[in-house]
Amino acid sequence: ALSMGVPLVVCPGFADQPVNAAKAESLQIGLKVDRPMRPLEHADADIAAYRRTTADALARVAKNLNFKENAMKCKQAFSASGGVSLATRVLLGLANSNLPRQAKLAGAKLAGA
């Protein structure tokens, strides 16, 4: 989305998503909507509240032009540094190299030391 200058509404679930959502807010390129984490007996109320909160965040991002302006700045920065095509080539190059295998071997050597 950011490579096209589109602001974000991030609903993080796991792994790096909460960190990325916090970055989106700190860069003012989007909003974060936390998932409800209460026990299952609250599911119906939580689902309804989550939908309302997400819809509100979408409306706020769409109406506030600062999000769009900041997302466009990200797009320009991405383009200036090579864009999605360069990032794709770098990642595919790493995936096809011996680097992942070497890192795995290095980790095994450290664990055995």
PDB file of N, CA and C in Angstrom:
ATOM      1  N   ALA A   1       0.823  -1.187   0.000  1.00  0.00           N
ATOM      2  CA  ALA A   1       0.000   0.000   0.000  1.00  0.00           C
ATOM      3  C   ALA A   1       0.875   1.262   0.000  1.00  0.00           C
ATOM      4  N   LEU A   2       1.897   1.255   0.845  1.00  0.00           N
ATOM      5  CA  LEU A   2       2.714   2.468   0.942  1.00  0.00           C
ATOM      6  C   LEU A   2       3.509   2.731  -0.333  1.00  0.00           C
ATOM      7  N   SER A   3       3.853   1.687  -1.054  1.00  0.00           N
ATOM      8  CA  SER A   3       4.578   1.906  -2.309  1.00  0.00           C
ATOM      9  C   SER A   3       3.705   2.623  -3.328  1.00  0.00           C
ATOM     10  N   MET A   4       2.404   2.652  -3.081  1.00  0.00           N
ATOM     11  CA  MET A   4       1.463   3.368  -3.949  1.00  0.00           C
ATOM     12  C   MET A   4       0.933   4.637  -3.277  1.00  0.00           C
ATOM     13  N   GLY A   5       1.428   4.959  -2.082  1.00  0.00           N
ATOM     14  CA  GLY A   5       1.007   6.161  -1.382  1.00  0.00           C
ATOM     15  C   GLY A   5      -0.344   6.043  -0.699  1.00  0.00           C
ATOM     16  N   VAL A   6      -0.723   4.813  -0.352  1.00  0.00           N
ATOM     17  CA  VAL A   6      -2.015   4.580   0.298  1.00  0.00           C
ATOM     18  C   VAL A   6      -1.810   4.460   1.809  1.00  0.00           C
ATOM     19  N   PRO A   7      -2.496   5.282   2.596  1.00  0.00           N
ATOM     20  CA  PRO A   7      -2.374   5.182   4.058  1.00  0.00           C
ATOM     21  C   PRO A   7      -2.950   3.863   4.571  1.00  0.00           C
ATOM     22  N   LEU A   8      -2.625   3.530   5.816  1.00  0.00           N
ATOM     23  CA  LEU A   8      -2.919   2.212   6.366  1.00  0.00           C
ATOM     24  C   LEU A   8      -3.883   2.250   7.546  1.00  0.00           C
ATOM     25  N   VAL A   9      -4.637   1.174   7.678  1.00  0.00           N
ATOM     26  CA  VAL A   9      -5.298   0.814   8.932  1.00  0.00           C
ATOM     27  C   VAL A   9      -4.779  -0.589   9.214  1.00  0.00           C
ATOM     28  N   VAL A  10      -4.007  -0.716  10.289  1.00  0.00           N
ATOM     29  CA  VAL A  10      -3.337  -1.975  10.602  1.00  0.00           C
ATOM     30  C   VAL A  10      -4.045  -2.647  11.773  1.00  0.00           C
ATOM     31  N   CYS A  11      -4.413  -3.904  11.563  1.00  0.00           N
ATOM     32  CA  CYS A  11      -5.048  -4.724  12.600  1.00  0.00           C
ATOM     33  C   CYS A  11      -4.071  -5.850  12.949  1.00  0.00           C
ATOM     34  N   PRO A  12      -3.087  -5.560  13.798  1.00  0.00           N
ATOM     35  CA  PRO A  12      -2.014  -6.518  14.037  1.00  0.00           C
ATOM     36  C   PRO A  12      -2.492  -7.756  14.787  1.00  0.00           C
ATOM     37  N   GLY A  13      -1.872  -8.876  14.439  1.00  0.00           N
ATOM     38  CA  GLY A  13      -2.220 -10.123  15.097  1.00  0.00           C
ATOM     39  C   GLY A  13      -1.048 -10.787  15.789  1.00  0.00           C
ATOM     40  N   PHE A  14       0.112 -10.893  15.117  1.00  0.00           N
ATOM     41  CA  PHE A  14       1.243 -11.623  15.689  1.00  0.00           C
ATOM     42  C   PHE A  14       2.534 -11.203  15.006  1.00  0.00           C
ATOM     43  N   ALA A  15       3.619 -11.776  15.475  1.00  0.00           N
ATOM     44  CA  ALA A  15       4.968 -11.588  14.925  1.00  0.00           C
ATOM     45  C   ALA A  15       5.330 -10.099  14.902  1.00  0.00           C
ATOM     46  N   ASP A  16       5.719  -9.590  13.723  1.00  0.00           N
ATOM     47  CA  ASP A  16       6.165  -8.206  13.624  1.00  0.00           C
ATOM     48  C   ASP A  16       5.018  -7.222  13.400  1.00  0.00           C
ATOM     49  N   GLN A  17       3.796  -7.710  13.278  1.00  0.00           N
ATOM     50  CA  GLN A  17       2.667  -6.831  12.976  1.00  0.00           C
ATOM     51  C   GLN A  17       2.420  -5.760  14.037  1.00  0.00           C
ATOM     52  N   PRO A  18       2.467  -6.058  15.340  1.00  0.00           N
ATOM     53  CA  PRO A  18       2.278  -4.979  16.321  1.00  0.00           C
ATOM     54  C   PRO A  18       3.341  -3.881  16.217  1.00  0.00           C
ATOM     55  N   VAL A  19       4.576  -4.269  15.946  1.00  0.00           N
ATOM     56  CA  VAL A  19       5.651  -3.275  15.800  1.00  0.00           C
ATOM     57  C   VAL A  19       5.406  -2.425  14.552  1.00  0.00           C
ATOM     58  N   ASN A  20       5.026  -3.076  13.455  1.00  0.00           N
ATOM     59  CA  ASN A  20       4.756  -2.340  12.218  1.00  0.00           C
ATOM     60  C   ASN A  20       3.562  -1.409  12.379  1.00  0.00           C
ATOM     61  N   ALA A  21       2.560  -1.835  13.122  1.00  0.00           N
ATOM     62  CA  ALA A  21       1.393  -0.982  13.374  1.00  0.00           C
ATOM     63  C   ALA A  21       1.793   0.249  14.183  1.00  0.00           C
ATOM     64  N   ALA A  22       2.624   0.049  15.184  1.00  0.00           N
ATOM     65  CA  ALA A  22       3.103   1.181  15.993  1.00  0.00           C
ATOM     66  C   ALA A  22       3.922   2.144  15.137  1.00  0.00           C
ATOM     67  N   LYS A  23       4.726   1.606  14.214  1.00  0.00           N
ATOM     68  CA  LYS A  23       5.501   2.463  13.301  1.00  0.00           C
ATOM     69  C   LYS A  23       4.578   3.275  12.398  1.00  0.00           C
ATOM     70  N   ALA A  24       3.516   2.632  11.909  1.00  0.00           N
ATOM     71  CA  ALA A  24       2.568   3.340  11.052  1.00  0.00           C
ATOM     72  C   ALA A  24       1.975   4.540  11.786  1.00  0.00           C
ATOM     73  N   GLU A  25       1.636   4.336  13.056  1.00  0.00           N
ATOM     74  CA  GLU A  25       1.093   5.448  13.836  1.00  0.00           C
ATOM     75  C   GLU A  25       2.148   6.508  14.105  1.00  0.00           C
ATOM     76  N   SER A  26       3.359   6.092  14.449  1.00  0.00           N
ATOM     77  CA  SER A  26       4.390   7.087  14.772  1.00  0.00           C
ATOM     78  C   SER A  26       4.800   7.896  13.543  1.00  0.00           C
ATOM     79  N   LEU A  27       4.733   7.287  12.365  1.00  0.00           N
ATOM     80  CA  LEU A  27       5.038   8.002  11.121  1.00  0.00           C
ATOM     81  C   LEU A  27       3.826   8.756  10.580  1.00  0.00           C
ATOM     82  N   GLN A  28       2.711   8.587  11.246  1.00  0.00           N
ATOM     83  CA  GLN A  28       1.449   9.223  10.854  1.00  0.00           C
ATOM     84  C   GLN A  28       1.049   8.870   9.421  1.00  0.00           C
ATOM     85  N   ILE A  29       1.226   7.576   9.091  1.00  0.00           N
ATOM     86  CA  ILE A  29       0.798   7.067   7.792  1.00  0.00           C
ATOM     87  C   ILE A  29      -0.411   6.150   7.945  1.00  0.00           C
ATOM     88  N   GLY A  30      -0.893   5.998   9.176  1.00  0.00           N
ATOM     89  CA  GLY A  30      -2.053   5.152   9.397  1.00  0.00           C
ATOM     90  C   GLY A  30      -2.383   5.016  10.862  1.00  0.00           C
ATOM     91  N   LEU A  31      -3.384   4.199  11.107  1.00  0.00           N
ATOM     92  CA  LEU A  31      -3.844   3.933  12.465  1.00  0.00           C
ATOM     93  C   LEU A  31      -3.797   2.448  12.765  1.00  0.00           C
ATOM     94  N   LYS A  32      -3.676   2.138  14.045  1.00  0.00           N
ATOM     95  CA  LYS A  32      -3.646   0.755  14.524  1.00  0.00           C
ATOM     96  C   LYS A  32      -4.966   0.463  15.222  1.00  0.00           C
ATOM     97  N   VAL A  33      -5.510  -0.713  14.945  1.00  0.00           N
ATOM     98  CA  VAL A  33      -6.709  -1.185  15.639  1.00  0.00           C
ATOM     99  C   VAL A  33      -6.337  -2.490  16.324  1.00  0.00           C
ATOM    100  N   ASP A  34      -6.297  -2.458  17.648  1.00  0.00           N
ATOM    101  CA  ASP A  34      -5.932  -3.662  18.397  1.00  0.00           C
ATOM    102  C   ASP A  34      -7.063  -4.676  18.369  1.00  0.00           C
ATOM    103  N   ARG A  35      -6.689  -5.934  18.305  1.00  0.00           N
ATOM    104  CA  ARG A  35      -7.669  -7.014  18.324  1.00  0.00           C
ATOM    105  C   ARG A  35      -8.138  -7.243  19.760  1.00  0.00           C
ATOM    106  N   PRO A  36      -9.405  -7.588  19.913  1.00  0.00           N
ATOM    107  CA  PRO A  36      -9.876  -7.908  21.261  1.00  0.00           C
ATOM    108  C   PRO A  36      -9.234  -9.199  21.758  1.00  0.00           C
ATOM    109  N   MET A  37      -8.885  -9.233  23.021  1.00  0.00           N
ATOM    110  CA  MET A  37      -8.185 -10.397  23.577  1.00  0.00           C
ATOM    111  C   MET A  37      -8.886 -10.938  24.826  1.00  0.00           C
ATOM    112  N   ARG A  38     -10.173 -10.674  24.949  1.00  0.00           N
ATOM    113  CA  ARG A  38     -10.894 -11.144  26.126  1.00  0.00           C
ATOM    114  C   ARG A  38     -11.304 -12.605  25.947  1.00  0.00           C
ATOM    115  N   PRO A  39     -11.759 -13.252  27.006  1.00  0.00           N
ATOM    116  CA  PRO A  39     -12.217 -14.645  26.912  1.00  0.00           C
ATOM    117  C   PRO A  39     -13.356 -14.800  25.905  1.00  0.00           C
ATOM    118  N   LEU A  40     -13.515 -16.017  25.429  1.00  0.00           N
ATOM    119  CA  LEU A  40     -14.466 -16.336  24.373  1.00  0.00           C
ATOM    120  C   LEU A  40     -15.904 -15.944  24.694  1.00  0.00           C
ATOM    121  N   GLU A  41     -16.287 -15.939  25.944  1.00  0.00           N
ATOM    122  CA  GLU A  41     -17.679 -15.599  26.270  1.00  0.00           C
ATOM    123  C   GLU A  41     -18.032 -14.153  25.899  1.00  0.00           C
ATOM    124  N   HIS A  42     -17.031 -13.334  25.625  1.00  0.00           N
ATOM    125  CA  HIS A  42     -17.254 -11.946  25.219  1.00  0.00           C
ATOM    126  C   HIS A  42     -17.177 -11.765  23.709  1.00  0.00           C
ATOM    127  N   ALA A  43     -17.104 -12.862  22.968  1.00  0.00           N
ATOM    128  CA  ALA A  43     -16.844 -12.803  21.529  1.00  0.00           C
ATOM    129  C   ALA A  43     -17.849 -11.947  20.772  1.00  0.00           C
ATOM    130  N   ASP A  44     -19.132 -12.128  21.001  1.00  0.00           N
ATOM    131  CA  ASP A  44     -20.135 -11.375  20.239  1.00  0.00           C
ATOM    132  C   ASP A  44     -19.977  -9.874  20.437  1.00  0.00           C
ATOM    133  N   ALA A  45     -19.828  -9.447  21.669  1.00  0.00           N
ATOM    134  CA  ALA A  45     -19.654  -8.014  21.942  1.00  0.00           C
ATOM    135  C   ALA A  45     -18.324  -7.514  21.378  1.00  0.00           C
ATOM    136  N   ASP A  46     -17.278  -8.318  21.509  1.00  0.00           N
ATOM    137  CA  ASP A  46     -15.966  -7.905  21.013  1.00  0.00           C
ATOM    138  C   ASP A  46     -15.947  -7.788  19.488  1.00  0.00           C
ATOM    139  N   ILE A  47     -16.610  -8.719  18.806  1.00  0.00           N
ATOM    140  CA  ILE A  47     -16.663  -8.666  17.345  1.00  0.00           C
ATOM    141  C   ILE A  47     -17.357  -7.386  16.891  1.00  0.00           C
ATOM    142  N   ALA A  48     -18.483  -7.079  17.519  1.00  0.00           N
ATOM    143  CA  ALA A  48     -19.215  -5.863  17.155  1.00  0.00           C
ATOM    144  C   ALA A  48     -18.375  -4.612  17.425  1.00  0.00           C
ATOM    145  N   ALA A  49     -17.722  -4.560  18.558  1.00  0.00           N
ATOM    146  CA  ALA A  49     -16.883  -3.407  18.898  1.00  0.00           C
ATOM    147  C   ALA A  49     -15.686  -3.299  17.960  1.00  0.00           C
ATOM    148  N   TYR A  50     -15.095  -4.434  17.606  1.00  0.00           N
ATOM    149  CA  TYR A  50     -13.942  -4.449  16.690  1.00  0.00           C
ATOM    150  C   TYR A  50     -14.345  -3.926  15.315  1.00  0.00           C
ATOM    151  N   ARG A  51     -15.504  -4.335  14.841  1.00  0.00           N
ATOM    152  CA  ARG A  51     -15.995  -3.834  13.548  1.00  0.00           C
ATOM    153  C   ARG A  51     -16.201  -2.321  13.596  1.00  0.00           C
ATOM    154  N   ARG A  52     -16.818  -1.829  14.668  1.00  0.00           N
ATOM    155  CA  ARG A  52     -17.044  -0.385  14.796  1.00  0.00           C
ATOM    156  C   ARG A  52     -15.723   0.377  14.858  1.00  0.00           C
ATOM    157  N   THR A  53     -14.792  -0.128  15.649  1.00  0.00           N
ATOM    158  CA  THR A  53     -13.493   0.541  15.804  1.00  0.00           C
ATOM    159  C   THR A  53     -12.725   0.549  14.484  1.00  0.00           C
ATOM    160  N   THR A  54     -12.772  -0.558  13.768  1.00  0.00           N
ATOM    161  CA  THR A  54     -12.086  -0.640  12.475  1.00  0.00           C
ATOM    162  C   THR A  54     -12.725   0.308  11.463  1.00  0.00           C
ATOM    163  N   ALA A  55     -14.044   0.330  11.409  1.00  0.00           N
ATOM    164  CA  ALA A  55     -14.742   1.239  10.496  1.00  0.00           C
ATOM    165  C   ALA A  55     -14.424   2.691  10.830  1.00  0.00           C
ATOM    166  N   ASP A  56     -14.363   3.021  12.111  1.00  0.00           N
ATOM    167  CA  ASP A  56     -14.028   4.374  12.537  1.00  0.00           C
ATOM    168  C   ASP A  56     -12.606   4.738  12.099  1.00  0.00           C
ATOM    169  N   ALA A  57     -11.675   3.803  12.274  1.00  0.00           N
ATOM    170  CA  ALA A  57     -10.291   4.061  11.862  1.00  0.00           C
ATOM    171  C   ALA A  57     -10.199   4.271  10.347  1.00  0.00           C
ATOM    172  N   LEU A  58     -10.916   3.468   9.580  1.00  0.00           N
ATOM    173  CA  LEU A  58     -10.928   3.646   8.125  1.00  0.00           C
ATOM    174  C   LEU A  58     -11.470   5.016   7.738  1.00  0.00           C
ATOM    175  N   ALA A  59     -12.547   5.418   8.389  1.00  0.00           N
ATOM    176  CA  ALA A  59     -13.128   6.730   8.096  1.00  0.00           C
ATOM    177  C   ALA A  59     -12.165   7.854   8.468  1.00  0.00           C
ATOM    178  N   ARG A  60     -11.510   7.735   9.606  1.00  0.00           N
ATOM    179  CA  ARG A  60     -10.553   8.769  10.040  1.00  0.00           C
ATOM    180  C   ARG A  60      -9.383   8.874   9.079  1.00  0.00           C
ATOM    181  N   VAL A  61      -8.864   7.737   8.639  1.00  0.00           N
ATOM    182  CA  VAL A  61      -7.730   7.751   7.702  1.00  0.00           C
ATOM    183  C   VAL A  61      -8.158   8.337   6.358  1.00  0.00           C
ATOM    184  N   ALA A  62      -9.363   8.015   5.917  1.00  0.00           N
ATOM    185  CA  ALA A  62      -9.847   8.532   4.634  1.00  0.00           C
ATOM    186  C   ALA A  62     -10.093  10.041   4.677  1.00  0.00           C
ATOM    187  N   LYS A  63     -10.557  10.547   5.810  1.00  0.00           N
ATOM    188  CA  LYS A  63     -10.911  11.968   5.920  1.00  0.00           C
ATOM    189  C   LYS A  63      -9.717  12.864   6.222  1.00  0.00           C
ATOM    190  N   ASN A  64      -8.738  12.356   6.947  1.00  0.00           N
ATOM    191  CA  ASN A  64      -7.601  13.175   7.374  1.00  0.00           C
ATOM    192  C   ASN A  64      -6.521  13.132   6.288  1.00  0.00           C
ATOM    193  N   LEU A  65      -6.361  14.216   5.572  1.00  0.00           N
ATOM    194  CA  LEU A  65      -5.425  14.265   4.451  1.00  0.00           C
ATOM    195  C   LEU A  65      -3.965  14.164   4.880  1.00  0.00           C
ATOM    196  N   ASN A  66      -3.678  14.379   6.161  1.00  0.00           N
ATOM    197  CA  ASN A  66      -2.294  14.228   6.628  1.00  0.00           C
ATOM    198  C   ASN A  66      -1.805  12.798   6.438  1.00  0.00           C
ATOM    199  N   PHE A  67      -2.689  11.819   6.647  1.00  0.00           N
ATOM    200  CA  PHE A  67      -2.291  10.421   6.425  1.00  0.00           C
ATOM    201  C   PHE A  67      -1.894  10.216   4.967  1.00  0.00           C
ATOM    202  N   LYS A  68      -2.684  10.734   4.042  1.00  0.00           N
ATOM    203  CA  LYS A  68      -2.386  10.590   2.610  1.00  0.00           C
ATOM    204  C   LYS A  68      -1.085  11.302   2.259  1.00  0.00           C
ATOM    205  N   GLU A  69      -0.903  12.513   2.763  1.00  0.00           N
ATOM    206  CA  GLU A  69       0.329  13.258   2.478  1.00  0.00           C
ATOM    207  C   GLU A  69       1.559  12.500   2.971  1.00  0.00           C
ATOM    208  N   ASN A  70       1.488  11.966   4.171  1.00  0.00           N
ATOM    209  CA  ASN A  70       2.627  11.218   4.727  1.00  0.00           C
ATOM    210  C   ASN A  70       2.852   9.907   3.981  1.00  0.00           C
ATOM    211  N   ALA A  71       1.779   9.247   3.563  1.00  0.00           N
ATOM    212  CA  ALA A  71       1.923   8.020   2.774  1.00  0.00           C
ATOM    213  C   ALA A  71       2.567   8.330   1.423  1.00  0.00           C
ATOM    214  N   MET A  72       2.225   9.463   0.838  1.00  0.00           N
ATOM    215  CA  MET A  72       2.848   9.859  -0.437  1.00  0.00           C
ATOM    216  C   MET A  72       4.338  10.149  -0.246  1.00  0.00           C
ATOM    217  N   LYS A  73       4.717  10.707   0.897  1.00  0.00           N
ATOM    218  CA  LYS A  73       6.137  10.921   1.184  1.00  0.00           C
ATOM    219  C   LYS A  73       6.870   9.580   1.268  1.00  0.00           C
ATOM    220  N   CYS A  74       6.222   8.587   1.869  1.00  0.00           N
ATOM    221  CA  CYS A  74       6.817   7.247   1.925  1.00  0.00           C
ATOM    222  C   CYS A  74       6.975   6.677   0.528  1.00  0.00           C
ATOM    223  N   LYS A  75       5.961   6.841  -0.293  1.00  0.00           N
ATOM    224  CA  LYS A  75       6.026   6.356  -1.673  1.00  0.00           C
ATOM    225  C   LYS A  75       7.227   6.969  -2.395  1.00  0.00           C
ATOM    226  N   GLN A  76       7.394   8.266  -2.246  1.00  0.00           N
ATOM    227  CA  GLN A  76       8.500   8.955  -2.903  1.00  0.00           C
ATOM    228  C   GLN A  76       9.844   8.450  -2.381  1.00  0.00           C
ATOM    229  N   ALA A  77       9.943   8.231  -1.084  1.00  0.00           N
ATOM    230  CA  ALA A  77      11.187   7.724  -0.495  1.00  0.00           C
ATOM    231  C   ALA A  77      11.469   6.308  -0.983  1.00  0.00           C
ATOM    232  N   PHE A  78      10.443   5.472  -1.051  1.00  0.00           N
ATOM    233  CA  PHE A  78      10.627   4.109  -1.562  1.00  0.00           C
ATOM    234  C   PHE A  78      11.101   4.141  -3.006  1.00  0.00           C
ATOM    235  N   SER A  79      10.460   4.961  -3.814  1.00  0.00           N
ATOM    236  CA  SER A  79      10.829   5.061  -5.237  1.00  0.00           C
ATOM    237  C   SER A  79      12.269   5.539  -5.393  1.00  0.00           C
ATOM    238  N   ALA A  80      12.659   6.529  -4.597  1.00  0.00           N
ATOM    239  CA  ALA A  80      14.013   7.076  -4.686  1.00  0.00           C
ATOM    240  C   ALA A  80      15.079   6.056  -4.293  1.00  0.00           C
ATOM    241  N   SER A  81      14.695   5.084  -3.466  1.00  0.00           N
ATOM    242  CA  SER A  81      15.677   4.092  -3.030  1.00  0.00           C
ATOM    243  C   SER A  81      15.600   2.788  -3.841  1.00  0.00           C
ATOM    244  N   GLY A  82      14.847   2.789  -4.926  1.00  0.00           N
ATOM    245  CA  GLY A  82      14.799   1.610  -5.794  1.00  0.00           C
ATOM    246  C   GLY A  82      13.451   0.928  -5.837  1.00  0.00           C
ATOM    247  N   GLY A  83      12.585   1.251  -4.917  1.00  0.00           N
ATOM    248  CA  GLY A  83      11.220   0.750  -4.955  1.00  0.00           C
ATOM    249  C   GLY A  83      11.058  -0.736  -4.710  1.00  0.00           C
ATOM    250  N   VAL A  84       9.857  -1.189  -5.007  1.00  0.00           N
ATOM    251  CA  VAL A  84       9.486  -2.581  -4.774  1.00  0.00           C
ATOM    252  C   VAL A  84      10.319  -3.524  -5.635  1.00  0.00           C
ATOM    253  N   SER A  85      10.621  -3.126  -6.863  1.00  0.00           N
ATOM    254  CA  SER A  85      11.377  -4.023  -7.755  1.00  0.00           C
ATOM    255  C   SER A  85      12.769  -4.314  -7.192  1.00  0.00           C
ATOM    256  N   LEU A  86      13.454  -3.306  -6.664  1.00  0.00           N
ATOM    257  CA  LEU A  86      14.770  -3.541  -6.071  1.00  0.00           C
ATOM    258  C   LEU A  86      14.646  -4.397  -4.813  1.00  0.00           C
ATOM    259  N   ALA A  87      13.682  -4.099  -3.960  1.00  0.00           N
ATOM    260  CA  ALA A  87      13.493  -4.894  -2.747  1.00  0.00           C
ATOM    261  C   ALA A  87      13.216  -6.352  -3.099  1.00  0.00           C
ATOM    262  N   THR A  88      12.409  -6.586  -4.119  1.00  0.00           N
ATOM    263  CA  THR A  88      12.100  -7.953  -4.552  1.00  0.00           C
ATOM    264  C   THR A  88      13.358  -8.657  -5.043  1.00  0.00           C
ATOM    265  N   ARG A  89      14.153  -7.981  -5.848  1.00  0.00           N
ATOM    266  CA  ARG A  89      15.395  -8.591  -6.362  1.00  0.00           C
ATOM    267  C   ARG A  89      16.346  -8.932  -5.216  1.00  0.00           C
ATOM    268  N   VAL A  90      16.480  -8.025  -4.255  1.00  0.00           N
ATOM    269  CA  VAL A  90      17.373  -8.278  -3.120  1.00  0.00           C
ATOM    270  C   VAL A  90      16.896  -9.484  -2.321  1.00  0.00           C
ATOM    271  N   LEU A  91      15.613  -9.521  -1.998  1.00  0.00           N
ATOM    272  CA  LEU A  91      15.083 -10.637  -1.204  1.00  0.00           C
ATOM    273  C   LEU A  91      15.178 -11.966  -1.946  1.00  0.00           C
ATOM    274  N   LEU A  92      14.858 -11.964  -3.240  1.00  0.00           N
ATOM    275  CA  LEU A  92      14.974 -13.206  -4.016  1.00  0.00           C
ATOM    276  C   LEU A  92      16.430 -13.636  -4.130  1.00  0.00           C
ATOM    277  N   GLY A  93      17.319 -12.665  -4.271  1.00  0.00           N
ATOM    278  CA  GLY A  93      18.743 -12.994  -4.320  1.00  0.00           C
ATOM    279  C   GLY A  93      19.210 -13.640  -3.031  1.00  0.00           C
ATOM    280  N   LEU A  94      18.773 -13.099  -1.907  1.00  0.00           N
ATOM    281  CA  LEU A  94      19.138 -13.687  -0.616  1.00  0.00           C
ATOM    282  C   LEU A  94      18.528 -15.076  -0.447  1.00  0.00           C
ATOM    283  N   ALA A  95      17.280 -15.218  -0.845  1.00  0.00           N
ATOM    284  CA  ALA A  95      16.608 -16.518  -0.707  1.00  0.00           C
ATOM    285  C   ALA A  95      17.270 -17.585  -1.573  1.00  0.00           C
ATOM    286  N   ASN A  96      17.794 -17.197  -2.713  1.00  0.00           N
ATOM    287  CA  ASN A  96      18.411 -18.153  -3.630  1.00  0.00           C
ATOM    288  C   ASN A  96      19.903 -18.334  -3.388  1.00  0.00           C
ATOM    289  N   SER A  97      20.464 -17.579  -2.460  1.00  0.00           N
ATOM    290  CA  SER A  97      21.897 -17.690  -2.177  1.00  0.00           C
ATOM    291  C   SER A  97      22.137 -18.756  -1.123  1.00  0.00           C
ATOM    292  N   ASN A  98      23.394 -18.945  -0.803  1.00  0.00           N
ATOM    293  CA  ASN A  98      23.760 -19.873   0.276  1.00  0.00           C
ATOM    294  C   ASN A  98      23.670 -19.212   1.644  1.00  0.00           C
ATOM    295  N   LEU A  99      23.335 -17.924   1.680  1.00  0.00           N
ATOM    296  CA  LEU A  99      23.304 -17.198   2.949  1.00  0.00           C
ATOM    297  C   LEU A  99      22.376 -17.836   3.979  1.00  0.00           C
ATOM    298  N   PRO A 100      21.120 -18.206   3.630  1.00  0.00           N
ATOM    299  CA  PRO A 100      20.277 -18.848   4.653  1.00  0.00           C
ATOM    300  C   PRO A 100      20.884 -20.149   5.172  1.00  0.00           C
ATOM    301  N   ARG A 101      21.478 -20.936   4.280  1.00  0.00           N
ATOM    302  CA  ARG A 101      22.113 -22.194   4.686  1.00  0.00           C
ATOM    303  C   ARG A 101      23.314 -21.920   5.578  1.00  0.00           C
ATOM    304  N   GLN A 102      24.115 -20.905   5.201  1.00  0.00           N
ATOM    305  CA  GLN A 102      25.292 -20.559   5.993  1.00  0.00           C
ATOM    306  C   GLN A 102      24.893 -20.054   7.378  1.00  0.00           C
ATOM    307  N   ALA A 103      23.840 -19.266   7.450  1.00  0.00           N
ATOM    308  CA  ALA A 103      23.373 -18.761   8.742  1.00  0.00           C
ATOM    309  C   ALA A 103      22.893 -19.911   9.617  1.00  0.00           C
ATOM    310  N   LYS A 104      22.218 -20.864   9.010  1.00  0.00           N
ATOM    311  CA  LYS A 104      21.733 -22.021   9.762  1.00  0.00           C
ATOM    312  C   LYS A 104      22.913 -22.842  10.288  1.00  0.00           C
ATOM    313  N   LEU A 105      23.919 -23.041   9.437  1.00  0.00           N
ATOM    314  CA  LEU A 105      25.102 -23.778   9.867  1.00  0.00           C
ATOM    315  C   LEU A 105      25.852 -23.045  10.966  1.00  0.00           C
ATOM    316  N   ALA A 106      25.964 -21.737  10.843  1.00  0.00           N
ATOM    317  CA  ALA A 106      26.637 -20.944  11.861  1.00  0.00           C
ATOM    318  C   ALA A 106      25.907 -21.050  13.186  1.00  0.00           C
ATOM    319  N   GLY A 107      24.571 -21.019  13.151  1.00  0.00           N
ATOM    320  CA  GLY A 107      23.783 -21.167  14.370  1.00  0.00           C
ATOM    321  C   GLY A 107      23.980 -22.523  15.007  1.00  0.00           C
ATOM    322  N   ALA A 108      24.072 -23.550  14.158  1.00  0.00           N
ATOM    323  CA  ALA A 108      24.285 -24.917  14.691  1.00  0.00           C
ATOM    324  C   ALA A 108      25.658 -25.011  15.325  1.00  0.00           C
ATOM    325  N   LYS A 109      26.667 -24.378  14.737  1.00  0.00           N
ATOM    326  CA  LYS A 109      28.012 -24.413  15.301  1.00  0.00           C
ATOM    327  C   LYS A 109      28.045 -23.701  16.648  1.00  0.00           C
ATOM    328  N   LEU A 110      27.359 -22.559  16.744  1.00  0.00           N
ATOM    329  CA  LEU A 110      27.325 -21.818  18.002  1.00  0.00           C
ATOM    330  C   LEU A 110      26.610 -22.624  19.090  1.00  0.00           C
ATOM    331  N   ALA A 111      25.539 -23.313  18.721  1.00  0.00           N
ATOM    332  CA  ALA A 111      24.783 -24.085  19.690  1.00  0.00           C
ATOM    333  C   ALA A 111      25.599 -25.254  20.209  1.00  0.00           C
ATOM    334  N   GLY A 112      26.443 -25.799  19.345  1.00  0.00           N
ATOM    335  CA  GLY A 112      27.257 -26.950  19.746  1.00  0.00           C
ATOM    336  C   GLY A 112      28.536 -26.562  20.470  1.00  0.00           C
ATOM    337  N   ALA A 113      28.840 -25.275  20.477  1.00  0.00           N
ATOM    338  CA  ALA A 113      30.108 -24.829  21.089  1.00  0.00           C
ATOM    339  C   ALA A 113      30.030 -24.785  22.583  1.00  0.00           C
TER     340      ALA A 113
END
